[in-house]
Amino acid sequence: MYLAKVIGTVVSTSKDPGLVGFKLLVTQRLDVDDHDAGLPEVAVDTVGAGNGETVIIVKGSSARNALQGRDCPVDATIVGIVDTVEIDRS
């Protein structure tokens, strides 16, 4: 699980039937200091996230399980929208 920022959307008129009804969003992983980390990736949105929001992403089997039993090819799923982050640096 990690934090990322939504930086865009993907429009796909032809996709796996298991993904029909889900938004696909472009996300940018964030490091502990809220800076970009790594390359952007596409994630399936299950929570109604919007552009510019910080989100929680799960990958692998957790990403597939978040789609409530749908059997489709998913590697990253947005499972939460972040309100605040507090890091204790003491």
N, C-alpha and C. Protein backbone atom coordinates (compact mmCIF):
# COMPACT_ATOMS: atom_id res chain seq x y z
N MET A 1 0.85 -1.16 0.00
CA MET A 1 0.00 0.00 0.00
C MET A 1 0.90 1.23 0.00
N TYR A 2 0.48 2.25 -0.76
CA TYR A 2 1.27 3.48 -0.78
C TYR A 2 0.39 4.66 -1.16
N LEU A 3 0.93 5.86 -0.98
CA LEU A 3 0.22 7.08 -1.32
C LEU A 3 0.62 7.55 -2.71
N ALA A 4 -0.35 8.14 -3.41
CA ALA A 4 -0.10 8.69 -4.74
C ALA A 4 -1.03 9.86 -4.96
N LYS A 5 -0.69 10.68 -5.95
CA LYS A 5 -1.54 11.79 -6.34
C LYS A 5 -2.15 11.48 -7.69
N VAL A 6 -3.45 11.77 -7.85
CA VAL A 6 -4.11 11.59 -9.13
C VAL A 6 -3.69 12.75 -10.03
N ILE A 7 -3.12 12.40 -11.20
CA ILE A 7 -2.62 13.44 -12.10
C ILE A 7 -3.33 13.44 -13.46
N GLY A 8 -4.26 12.53 -13.66
CA GLY A 8 -4.97 12.50 -14.93
C GLY A 8 -5.94 11.35 -15.03
N THR A 9 -6.60 11.26 -16.17
CA THR A 9 -7.57 10.20 -16.42
C THR A 9 -7.21 9.46 -17.70
N VAL A 10 -7.73 8.26 -17.82
CA VAL A 10 -7.56 7.45 -19.02
C VAL A 10 -8.95 7.15 -19.56
N VAL A 11 -9.17 7.43 -20.85
CA VAL A 11 -10.43 7.08 -21.50
C VAL A 11 -10.16 5.88 -22.39
N SER A 12 -10.91 4.81 -22.17
CA SER A 12 -10.74 3.59 -22.94
C SER A 12 -12.11 3.06 -23.32
N THR A 13 -12.46 3.20 -24.58
CA THR A 13 -13.77 2.73 -25.02
C THR A 13 -13.80 1.21 -25.19
N SER A 14 -12.64 0.60 -25.31
CA SER A 14 -12.55 -0.85 -25.42
C SER A 14 -11.63 -1.36 -24.32
N LYS A 15 -12.19 -2.14 -23.39
CA LYS A 15 -11.39 -2.66 -22.28
C LYS A 15 -11.98 -3.98 -21.81
N ASP A 16 -11.26 -4.66 -20.94
CA ASP A 16 -11.71 -5.92 -20.38
C ASP A 16 -13.11 -5.74 -19.77
N PRO A 17 -14.01 -6.68 -20.00
CA PRO A 17 -15.37 -6.55 -19.47
C PRO A 17 -15.43 -6.36 -17.95
N GLY A 18 -14.47 -6.89 -17.22
CA GLY A 18 -14.44 -6.73 -15.77
C GLY A 18 -14.16 -5.31 -15.32
N LEU A 19 -13.66 -4.48 -16.23
CA LEU A 19 -13.34 -3.09 -15.89
C LEU A 19 -14.44 -2.11 -16.28
N VAL A 20 -15.47 -2.61 -16.95
CA VAL A 20 -16.57 -1.74 -17.36
C VAL A 20 -17.22 -1.14 -16.11
N GLY A 21 -17.43 0.15 -16.12
CA GLY A 21 -18.03 0.84 -14.98
C GLY A 21 -17.04 1.46 -14.02
N PHE A 22 -15.76 1.17 -14.20
CA PHE A 22 -14.72 1.75 -13.34
C PHE A 22 -13.96 2.83 -14.09
N LYS A 23 -13.61 3.92 -13.35
CA LYS A 23 -12.72 4.93 -13.91
C LYS A 23 -11.29 4.44 -13.83
N LEU A 24 -10.50 4.80 -14.83
CA LEU A 24 -9.07 4.54 -14.83
C LEU A 24 -8.37 5.88 -14.66
N LEU A 25 -7.53 5.99 -13.64
CA LEU A 25 -6.85 7.25 -13.34
C LEU A 25 -5.34 7.09 -13.43
N VAL A 26 -4.67 8.13 -13.88
CA VAL A 26 -3.21 8.17 -13.89
C VAL A 26 -2.77 8.70 -12.53
N THR A 27 -1.90 7.96 -11.87
CA THR A 27 -1.44 8.34 -10.54
C THR A 27 0.08 8.46 -10.49
N GLN A 28 0.56 9.30 -9.59
CA GLN A 28 2.00 9.48 -9.38
C GLN A 28 2.31 9.14 -7.93
N ARG A 29 3.11 8.10 -7.72
CA ARG A 29 3.49 7.68 -6.37
C ARG A 29 4.21 8.83 -5.67
N LEU A 30 3.99 8.94 -4.34
CA LEU A 30 4.61 9.99 -3.53
C LEU A 30 5.56 9.38 -2.50
N ASP A 31 6.65 10.11 -2.21
CA ASP A 31 7.55 9.67 -1.16
C ASP A 31 7.11 10.27 0.17
N VAL A 32 7.87 10.02 1.22
CA VAL A 32 7.50 10.46 2.57
C VAL A 32 7.45 11.99 2.68
N ASP A 33 8.13 12.71 1.79
CA ASP A 33 8.11 14.17 1.81
C ASP A 33 7.13 14.75 0.81
N ASP A 34 6.22 13.92 0.29
CA ASP A 34 5.18 14.34 -0.64
C ASP A 34 5.73 14.76 -2.01
N HIS A 35 6.88 14.20 -2.38
CA HIS A 35 7.47 14.45 -3.70
C HIS A 35 7.22 13.24 -4.61
N ASP A 36 7.23 13.48 -5.91
CA ASP A 36 7.06 12.40 -6.87
C ASP A 36 8.12 11.33 -6.69
N ALA A 37 7.71 10.07 -6.80
CA ALA A 37 8.63 8.93 -6.67
C ALA A 37 8.27 7.91 -7.74
N GLY A 38 9.18 7.65 -8.65
CA GLY A 38 8.93 6.65 -9.68
C GLY A 38 8.12 7.18 -10.84
N LEU A 39 7.71 6.26 -11.70
CA LEU A 39 6.96 6.60 -12.90
C LEU A 39 5.46 6.61 -12.63
N PRO A 40 4.70 7.42 -13.36
CA PRO A 40 3.24 7.39 -13.22
C PRO A 40 2.69 6.02 -13.63
N GLU A 41 1.53 5.66 -13.09
CA GLU A 41 0.87 4.42 -13.49
C GLU A 41 -0.64 4.59 -13.48
N VAL A 42 -1.31 3.70 -14.17
CA VAL A 42 -2.76 3.71 -14.24
C VAL A 42 -3.31 2.83 -13.13
N ALA A 43 -4.33 3.33 -12.43
CA ALA A 43 -4.98 2.57 -11.36
C ALA A 43 -6.49 2.62 -11.55
N VAL A 44 -7.15 1.53 -11.17
CA VAL A 44 -8.61 1.47 -11.20
C VAL A 44 -9.13 2.21 -9.96
N ASP A 45 -10.11 3.09 -10.16
CA ASP A 45 -10.67 3.88 -9.06
C ASP A 45 -11.93 3.21 -8.52
N THR A 46 -11.93 2.86 -7.23
CA THR A 46 -13.11 2.25 -6.62
C THR A 46 -13.80 3.19 -5.63
N VAL A 47 -13.26 4.41 -5.46
CA VAL A 47 -13.78 5.29 -4.42
C VAL A 47 -14.22 6.66 -4.91
N GLY A 48 -14.14 6.93 -6.20
CA GLY A 48 -14.57 8.23 -6.72
C GLY A 48 -13.56 9.34 -6.55
N ALA A 49 -12.29 9.01 -6.69
CA ALA A 49 -11.22 10.00 -6.55
C ALA A 49 -11.23 10.97 -7.73
N GLY A 50 -10.66 12.14 -7.50
CA GLY A 50 -10.61 13.15 -8.54
C GLY A 50 -9.20 13.67 -8.76
N ASN A 51 -9.02 14.42 -9.82
CA ASN A 51 -7.72 14.97 -10.18
C ASN A 51 -7.17 15.83 -9.03
N GLY A 52 -5.89 15.63 -8.71
CA GLY A 52 -5.23 16.40 -7.67
C GLY A 52 -5.34 15.82 -6.27
N GLU A 53 -6.19 14.81 -6.09
CA GLU A 53 -6.35 14.24 -4.75
C GLU A 53 -5.24 13.24 -4.43
N THR A 54 -4.90 13.16 -3.15
CA THR A 54 -3.97 12.14 -2.68
C THR A 54 -4.79 10.90 -2.34
N VAL A 55 -4.32 9.74 -2.80
CA VAL A 55 -5.08 8.50 -2.66
C VAL A 55 -4.21 7.39 -2.10
N ILE A 56 -4.87 6.32 -1.64
CA ILE A 56 -4.19 5.12 -1.18
C ILE A 56 -4.34 4.07 -2.28
N ILE A 57 -3.22 3.46 -2.66
CA ILE A 57 -3.22 2.47 -3.73
C ILE A 57 -2.72 1.14 -3.19
N VAL A 58 -3.40 0.07 -3.61
CA VAL A 58 -2.93 -1.28 -3.33
C VAL A 58 -2.60 -1.94 -4.66
N LYS A 59 -1.71 -2.93 -4.60
CA LYS A 59 -1.28 -3.61 -5.83
C LYS A 59 -1.42 -5.13 -5.67
N GLY A 60 -1.23 -5.82 -6.78
CA GLY A 60 -1.23 -7.28 -6.78
C GLY A 60 -2.58 -7.87 -6.43
N SER A 61 -2.58 -8.96 -5.65
CA SER A 61 -3.84 -9.64 -5.32
C SER A 61 -4.77 -8.74 -4.52
N SER A 62 -4.23 -7.84 -3.72
CA SER A 62 -5.07 -6.89 -2.98
C SER A 62 -5.83 -5.98 -3.93
N ALA A 63 -5.19 -5.60 -5.03
CA ALA A 63 -5.84 -4.75 -6.03
C ALA A 63 -7.01 -5.48 -6.68
N ARG A 64 -6.83 -6.75 -6.97
CA ARG A 64 -7.92 -7.53 -7.56
C ARG A 64 -9.04 -7.77 -6.54
N ASN A 65 -8.69 -8.05 -5.30
CA ASN A 65 -9.69 -8.29 -4.26
C ASN A 65 -10.54 -7.06 -3.99
N ALA A 66 -9.98 -5.88 -4.18
CA ALA A 66 -10.72 -4.64 -3.96
C ALA A 66 -11.85 -4.45 -4.95
N LEU A 67 -11.85 -5.22 -6.04
CA LEU A 67 -12.89 -5.11 -7.06
C LEU A 67 -14.06 -6.05 -6.77
N GLN A 68 -14.20 -6.50 -5.54
CA GLN A 68 -15.32 -7.29 -5.06
C GLN A 68 -15.59 -8.54 -5.89
N GLY A 69 -14.55 -9.34 -6.05
CA GLY A 69 -14.72 -10.63 -6.70
C GLY A 69 -14.71 -10.64 -8.21
N ARG A 70 -14.56 -9.49 -8.83
CA ARG A 70 -14.48 -9.48 -10.30
C ARG A 70 -13.15 -10.10 -10.71
N ASP A 71 -13.19 -10.92 -11.72
CA ASP A 71 -11.98 -11.57 -12.22
C ASP A 71 -11.50 -10.81 -13.44
N CYS A 72 -10.63 -9.82 -13.22
CA CYS A 72 -10.12 -9.02 -14.33
C CYS A 72 -8.65 -8.67 -14.09
N PRO A 73 -7.96 -8.32 -15.16
CA PRO A 73 -6.52 -8.03 -15.06
C PRO A 73 -6.25 -6.65 -14.46
N VAL A 74 -6.04 -6.61 -13.15
CA VAL A 74 -5.78 -5.35 -12.46
C VAL A 74 -4.52 -5.48 -11.63
N ASP A 75 -3.66 -4.47 -11.71
CA ASP A 75 -2.43 -4.48 -10.92
C ASP A 75 -2.41 -3.39 -9.86
N ALA A 76 -3.20 -2.32 -10.04
CA ALA A 76 -3.23 -1.23 -9.07
C ALA A 76 -4.66 -0.72 -8.92
N THR A 77 -5.11 -0.57 -7.67
CA THR A 77 -6.45 -0.10 -7.38
C THR A 77 -6.42 0.99 -6.32
N ILE A 78 -7.18 2.04 -6.55
CA ILE A 78 -7.33 3.11 -5.56
C ILE A 78 -8.41 2.68 -4.57
N VAL A 79 -8.04 2.61 -3.28
CA VAL A 79 -8.98 2.12 -2.27
C VAL A 79 -9.32 3.17 -1.21
N GLY A 80 -8.73 4.35 -1.30
CA GLY A 80 -9.04 5.39 -0.33
C GLY A 80 -8.60 6.76 -0.80
N ILE A 81 -9.31 7.79 -0.32
CA ILE A 81 -8.93 9.18 -0.57
C ILE A 81 -8.41 9.73 0.75
N VAL A 82 -7.21 10.30 0.73
CA VAL A 82 -6.53 10.76 1.94
C VAL A 82 -7.01 12.15 2.35
N ASP A 83 -7.36 12.30 3.63
CA ASP A 83 -7.71 13.62 4.18
C ASP A 83 -6.47 14.31 4.69
N THR A 84 -5.70 13.64 5.54
CA THR A 84 -4.47 14.20 6.08
C THR A 84 -3.44 13.09 6.29
N VAL A 85 -2.18 13.50 6.34
CA VAL A 85 -1.08 12.59 6.64
C VAL A 85 -0.25 13.24 7.74
N GLU A 86 0.03 12.49 8.79
CA GLU A 86 0.89 12.98 9.87
C GLU A 86 2.05 12.02 10.04
N ILE A 87 3.26 12.55 9.98
CA ILE A 87 4.45 11.73 10.13
C ILE A 87 5.24 12.26 11.32
N ASP A 88 5.53 11.39 12.27
CA ASP A 88 6.31 11.76 13.45
C ASP A 88 7.78 11.60 13.13
N ARG A 89 8.52 12.67 13.08
CA ARG A 89 9.95 12.62 12.72
C ARG A 89 10.85 12.76 13.94
N SER A 90 10.32 12.48 15.11
CA SER A 90 11.16 12.63 16.32
C SER A 90 11.99 11.41 16.60
